[in-house]
Amino acid sequence: MCLAIPMRVAELLDGERARVEAGGVENAVSLALVDGVAVGDYVIVHVGFAIARLDAAEAEKTLALFAEIAAHLARQERSGGEIPQ
């Protein structure tokens, strides 16, 4: 299974690279596959490459869903593996 994460471009770096962030996590990624990326844009990141630009509203919606999944899993873990009601 592959997972690509929406991340906000925080800084453009030399050599078709950018510093991106999501949820307090920062990483440097390649922009070689995506044209016209600017600071503040959201990109989909997979294995160190930005693979597409993403509308800000769609990125925020996706990140909110990831946060909801993480909260659900944390509740499940606290309840000893039972699915909380």
N, C-alpha and C. Protein backbone atom coordinates (compact mmCIF):
# COMPACT_ATOMS: atom_id res chain seq x y z
N MET A 1 0.84 -1.17 0.00
CA MET A 1 0.00 0.00 0.00
C MET A 1 0.89 1.24 0.00
N CYS A 2 0.51 2.22 -0.78
CA CYS A 2 1.24 3.47 -0.85
C CYS A 2 0.45 4.55 -0.14
N LEU A 3 1.15 5.48 0.45
CA LEU A 3 0.50 6.58 1.13
C LEU A 3 1.18 7.87 0.71
N ALA A 4 0.40 8.82 0.24
CA ALA A 4 0.91 10.14 -0.13
C ALA A 4 0.25 11.15 0.80
N ILE A 5 1.02 12.10 1.29
CA ILE A 5 0.56 13.04 2.31
C ILE A 5 0.51 14.45 1.74
N PRO A 6 -0.59 15.18 1.98
CA PRO A 6 -0.59 16.60 1.61
C PRO A 6 0.30 17.39 2.57
N MET A 7 1.19 18.19 2.03
CA MET A 7 2.08 19.00 2.85
C MET A 7 2.16 20.41 2.26
N ARG A 8 2.32 21.40 3.16
CA ARG A 8 2.39 22.80 2.74
C ARG A 8 3.84 23.16 2.48
N VAL A 9 4.08 23.86 1.36
CA VAL A 9 5.42 24.30 1.02
C VAL A 9 5.77 25.49 1.91
N ALA A 10 6.79 25.32 2.73
CA ALA A 10 7.22 26.37 3.66
C ALA A 10 8.35 27.21 3.09
N GLU A 11 9.17 26.60 2.23
CA GLU A 11 10.33 27.31 1.68
C GLU A 11 10.79 26.62 0.41
N LEU A 12 11.13 27.41 -0.60
CA LEU A 12 11.74 26.85 -1.81
C LEU A 12 13.24 26.79 -1.60
N LEU A 13 13.84 25.67 -1.94
CA LEU A 13 15.28 25.45 -1.78
C LEU A 13 15.94 25.37 -3.15
N ASP A 14 17.24 25.38 -3.16
CA ASP A 14 17.98 25.23 -4.42
C ASP A 14 17.77 23.83 -5.00
N GLY A 15 17.96 23.72 -6.30
CA GLY A 15 17.97 22.42 -6.95
C GLY A 15 16.62 21.74 -7.03
N GLU A 16 15.56 22.47 -7.37
CA GLU A 16 14.21 21.90 -7.49
C GLU A 16 13.79 21.16 -6.23
N ARG A 17 14.03 21.77 -5.09
CA ARG A 17 13.65 21.17 -3.81
C ARG A 17 12.87 22.19 -2.99
N ALA A 18 12.14 21.69 -2.01
CA ALA A 18 11.38 22.56 -1.12
C ALA A 18 11.36 21.95 0.28
N ARG A 19 11.22 22.83 1.26
CA ARG A 19 10.98 22.39 2.63
C ARG A 19 9.47 22.41 2.80
N VAL A 20 8.89 21.27 3.19
CA VAL A 20 7.45 21.15 3.35
C VAL A 20 7.13 20.78 4.79
N GLU A 21 5.89 21.06 5.21
CA GLU A 21 5.51 20.72 6.59
C GLU A 21 4.04 20.32 6.64
N ALA A 22 3.78 19.44 7.62
CA ALA A 22 2.41 19.03 7.94
C ALA A 22 2.41 18.49 9.36
N GLY A 23 1.53 19.00 10.18
CA GLY A 23 1.40 18.50 11.54
C GLY A 23 2.66 18.61 12.37
N GLY A 24 3.46 19.63 12.12
CA GLY A 24 4.69 19.82 12.88
C GLY A 24 5.87 19.04 12.33
N VAL A 25 5.66 18.23 11.32
CA VAL A 25 6.74 17.46 10.69
C VAL A 25 7.21 18.23 9.46
N GLU A 26 8.52 18.41 9.36
CA GLU A 26 9.11 19.09 8.21
C GLU A 26 10.03 18.13 7.47
N ASN A 27 10.12 18.34 6.16
CA ASN A 27 10.99 17.50 5.36
C ASN A 27 11.38 18.26 4.10
N ALA A 28 12.51 17.92 3.53
CA ALA A 28 12.91 18.47 2.23
C ALA A 28 12.49 17.46 1.18
N VAL A 29 11.85 17.94 0.11
CA VAL A 29 11.37 17.05 -0.95
C VAL A 29 11.79 17.60 -2.31
N SER A 30 11.78 16.73 -3.29
CA SER A 30 12.07 17.13 -4.66
C SER A 30 10.80 17.68 -5.31
N LEU A 31 10.99 18.76 -6.09
CA LEU A 31 9.89 19.34 -6.88
C LEU A 31 10.03 19.01 -8.36
N ALA A 32 10.92 18.07 -8.70
CA ALA A 32 11.22 17.77 -10.10
C ALA A 32 10.01 17.32 -10.90
N LEU A 33 8.99 16.77 -10.24
CA LEU A 33 7.83 16.24 -10.95
C LEU A 33 6.66 17.23 -11.04
N VAL A 34 6.78 18.40 -10.40
CA VAL A 34 5.68 19.35 -10.34
C VAL A 34 6.19 20.75 -10.72
N ASP A 35 5.52 21.38 -11.66
CA ASP A 35 5.91 22.72 -12.10
C ASP A 35 5.13 23.80 -11.35
N GLY A 36 5.75 24.96 -11.20
CA GLY A 36 5.05 26.15 -10.71
C GLY A 36 4.66 26.14 -9.25
N VAL A 37 5.40 25.44 -8.42
CA VAL A 37 5.08 25.38 -6.99
C VAL A 37 5.61 26.64 -6.30
N ALA A 38 4.79 27.22 -5.42
CA ALA A 38 5.17 28.43 -4.68
C ALA A 38 5.01 28.18 -3.18
N VAL A 39 5.67 29.01 -2.39
CA VAL A 39 5.52 28.95 -0.94
C VAL A 39 4.04 29.13 -0.60
N GLY A 40 3.54 28.29 0.29
CA GLY A 40 2.13 28.32 0.68
C GLY A 40 1.26 27.33 -0.06
N ASP A 41 1.76 26.82 -1.20
CA ASP A 41 1.01 25.79 -1.93
C ASP A 41 1.02 24.49 -1.14
N TYR A 42 0.03 23.67 -1.40
CA TYR A 42 0.02 22.30 -0.88
C TYR A 42 0.42 21.36 -2.00
N VAL A 43 1.24 20.37 -1.66
CA VAL A 43 1.63 19.35 -2.61
C VAL A 43 1.39 17.98 -1.98
N ILE A 44 1.15 17.00 -2.83
CA ILE A 44 1.06 15.62 -2.36
C ILE A 44 2.48 15.07 -2.40
N VAL A 45 2.94 14.53 -1.26
CA VAL A 45 4.31 14.03 -1.14
C VAL A 45 4.29 12.51 -0.98
N HIS A 46 5.10 11.86 -1.81
CA HIS A 46 5.26 10.41 -1.73
C HIS A 46 6.74 10.09 -1.91
N VAL A 47 7.29 9.37 -0.97
CA VAL A 47 8.69 8.94 -0.93
C VAL A 47 9.68 10.03 -1.34
N GLY A 48 9.47 11.23 -0.78
CA GLY A 48 10.43 12.31 -0.98
C GLY A 48 10.22 13.15 -2.22
N PHE A 49 9.15 12.90 -2.95
CA PHE A 49 8.85 13.66 -4.16
C PHE A 49 7.47 14.29 -4.05
N ALA A 50 7.37 15.57 -4.40
CA ALA A 50 6.06 16.18 -4.59
C ALA A 50 5.56 15.64 -5.93
N ILE A 51 4.36 15.02 -5.92
CA ILE A 51 3.87 14.40 -7.15
C ILE A 51 2.71 15.17 -7.78
N ALA A 52 2.14 16.13 -7.03
CA ALA A 52 1.05 16.96 -7.57
C ALA A 52 0.79 18.12 -6.63
N ARG A 53 0.28 19.22 -7.19
CA ARG A 53 -0.21 20.31 -6.36
C ARG A 53 -1.63 19.97 -5.97
N LEU A 54 -2.06 20.51 -4.82
CA LEU A 54 -3.39 20.21 -4.30
C LEU A 54 -4.05 21.50 -3.84
N ASP A 55 -5.31 21.66 -4.13
CA ASP A 55 -6.09 22.79 -3.66
C ASP A 55 -6.03 22.85 -2.12
N ALA A 56 -5.87 24.04 -1.55
CA ALA A 56 -5.73 24.19 -0.10
C ALA A 56 -6.92 23.61 0.66
N ALA A 57 -8.13 23.83 0.18
CA ALA A 57 -9.32 23.31 0.87
C ALA A 57 -9.31 21.78 0.88
N GLU A 58 -8.95 21.18 -0.24
CA GLU A 58 -8.89 19.72 -0.32
C GLU A 58 -7.77 19.18 0.58
N ALA A 59 -6.63 19.86 0.62
CA ALA A 59 -5.53 19.44 1.48
C ALA A 59 -5.94 19.48 2.95
N GLU A 60 -6.59 20.56 3.35
CA GLU A 60 -7.02 20.69 4.75
C GLU A 60 -8.07 19.65 5.10
N LYS A 61 -8.96 19.34 4.17
CA LYS A 61 -9.97 18.30 4.39
C LYS A 61 -9.29 16.94 4.58
N THR A 62 -8.31 16.63 3.75
CA THR A 62 -7.59 15.37 3.86
C THR A 62 -6.81 15.28 5.16
N LEU A 63 -6.13 16.37 5.54
CA LEU A 63 -5.37 16.38 6.80
C LEU A 63 -6.30 16.21 7.99
N ALA A 64 -7.49 16.80 7.93
CA ALA A 64 -8.48 16.64 9.01
C ALA A 64 -8.92 15.18 9.12
N LEU A 65 -9.09 14.51 7.99
CA LEU A 65 -9.45 13.09 8.02
C LEU A 65 -8.33 12.25 8.62
N PHE A 66 -7.08 12.56 8.27
CA PHE A 66 -5.95 11.85 8.88
C PHE A 66 -5.94 12.05 10.40
N ALA A 67 -6.21 13.27 10.86
CA ALA A 67 -6.25 13.56 12.30
C ALA A 67 -7.38 12.78 12.97
N GLU A 68 -8.51 12.67 12.30
CA GLU A 68 -9.64 11.91 12.85
C GLU A 68 -9.29 10.43 12.98
N ILE A 69 -8.62 9.89 11.97
CA ILE A 69 -8.19 8.49 12.02
C ILE A 69 -7.21 8.28 13.16
N ALA A 70 -6.25 9.19 13.31
CA ALA A 70 -5.26 9.08 14.40
C ALA A 70 -5.94 9.13 15.76
N ALA A 71 -6.91 10.02 15.93
CA ALA A 71 -7.63 10.11 17.21
C ALA A 71 -8.41 8.83 17.48
N HIS A 72 -9.03 8.28 16.46
CA HIS A 72 -9.78 7.02 16.61
C HIS A 72 -8.85 5.89 17.03
N LEU A 73 -7.70 5.79 16.38
CA LEU A 73 -6.74 4.74 16.72
C LEU A 73 -6.21 4.90 18.14
N ALA A 74 -5.99 6.16 18.57
CA ALA A 74 -5.53 6.41 19.94
C ALA A 74 -6.59 5.98 20.94
N ARG A 75 -7.87 6.28 20.65
CA ARG A 75 -8.95 5.85 21.55
C ARG A 75 -9.03 4.33 21.60
N GLN A 76 -8.86 3.69 20.45
CA GLN A 76 -8.91 2.24 20.38
C GLN A 76 -7.77 1.63 21.20
N GLU A 77 -6.58 2.21 21.09
CA GLU A 77 -5.44 1.71 21.85
C GLU A 77 -5.66 1.87 23.36
N ARG A 78 -6.20 3.02 23.76
CA ARG A 78 -6.47 3.25 25.20
C ARG A 78 -7.51 2.29 25.74
N SER A 79 -8.43 1.86 24.89
CA SER A 79 -9.50 0.96 25.35
C SER A 79 -9.08 -0.51 25.27
N GLY A 80 -7.82 -0.76 25.01
CA GLY A 80 -7.32 -2.13 24.96
C GLY A 80 -7.66 -2.85 23.67
N GLY A 81 -7.82 -2.09 22.61
CA GLY A 81 -8.08 -2.71 21.31
C GLY A 81 -9.53 -2.78 20.94
N GLU A 82 -10.41 -2.51 21.88
CA GLU A 82 -11.84 -2.50 21.59
C GLU A 82 -12.19 -1.24 20.78
N ILE A 83 -13.14 -1.35 19.92
CA ILE A 83 -13.58 -0.18 19.16
C ILE A 83 -14.47 0.65 20.07
N PRO A 84 -14.07 1.92 20.38
CA PRO A 84 -14.87 2.74 21.29
C PRO A 84 -16.19 3.13 20.65
N GLN A 85 -17.21 3.27 21.48
CA GLN A 85 -18.54 3.68 21.01
C GLN A 85 -18.70 5.17 21.08
